[in-house]
Amino acid sequence: MSDNKPLRLKTISEFHRLRGLPAPKHPLISVINFEDMEKPSRIGKQRLIFDFYMISVKRDMNHKYRYGQKDYDFDEGVMFCMAPHQVLSVIREEEGKNPSGWMLMIHPDFLWNTALSALIKRYEFFDYSVNEALFLSEEEELKMQQIIENIKQEYQSNIDQFSQNIIVSQLETLLNYSQRFYQRQFITRKKANHQFLEKLEIFLNEYFEGENIIKHGLPTVQLLSEKLHMSTQYMRGVLKSLTGQTTQQIIHEKVIEKAKERLSTTELTISEIAYELGFEHSQSFNKLFKAKTNISPMEFRKSFN
């Protein structure tokens, strides 16, 4: 298959057929084990688009994934999430490994008329540009497995008027545990977190000292997320966990830091400093500076005289 033309899977049934599985017990939700799937017939790269949500825990796979900005090899137990209409590149390599784990697929129609239909978009680990997989401890993986078994048992039983609500409730529990485990990962992966903050600091310093600030104005949250190869939602979660600040607050903090440097070490006018820091109007700069420091730029400069 051409790498330029992704294979689009509109239904869960199509995925079952693609991987040699029996028809799903329910057309809008399915749990499968990787041990039960047929292996792809060829080694190489394939691009896929799913029209449904996918949550999986995988290990010892014979292929690598590229999703958003990140490659994954799944040698360890890794939780992996995708939202509808996102592109997944699969690079199948040599034989030899025995893949294990599970995959939960949920079509958006299954969530129709439930609160989770809108709320599911707030879980940042579904974002296309997410740069972190979730590495589960044995205890965490067991917790996820228990919830998955509850979901599987419910949709394979006789469907009644309570089935959807029970499954959605279990799914929401799964997502909330995932959110908890992601926060744990933010806290425990200190080295990666340190490197992230260091990269952020370097980028902001270079941006404010170069021509970009004059040409393009203040850096945006979207620009930072692109430069750091992570989604805006994920970046917000990391910064909130590490610093207690939002991305916009971090940008404004850097503006004030650079403004104080210029106010105390140069003879530039307030308007010139505002222009150098990406403000079209000096009034906007004055307003932000006073809001963050409780004094005006001129009052701050006078304190050094």
Foldseek 3Di string as FASTA:
>chain_A
DDQVDAAEDEWPQVVCVQFVHPGALDGFKHKDKPLPTHDDPDAAKHKYFYQWKKKKWKAQAQKWKDFAHEIDDRPATWIAIEGGGGMIMIGGHDDDTRMTIMMMIGHLVLCPPHPCSVVVVLLQRHDRQAYDIQHDDPVLVVVLVVLVVVLNVLSNDDDDPCSSVVNVVSVVVNSVSVVVSVLVVLVPVVVVLVVLVVVLVVVLVPCLVDCNCLVPNQDDLCNSCVVSRRDSSVVQSSCCSPPVDGPVVVSLVSLLVQLLCCLAPHPDDLQVSCSSRRHPDSVVVQVSNCVVPVDGSVVSSVVND
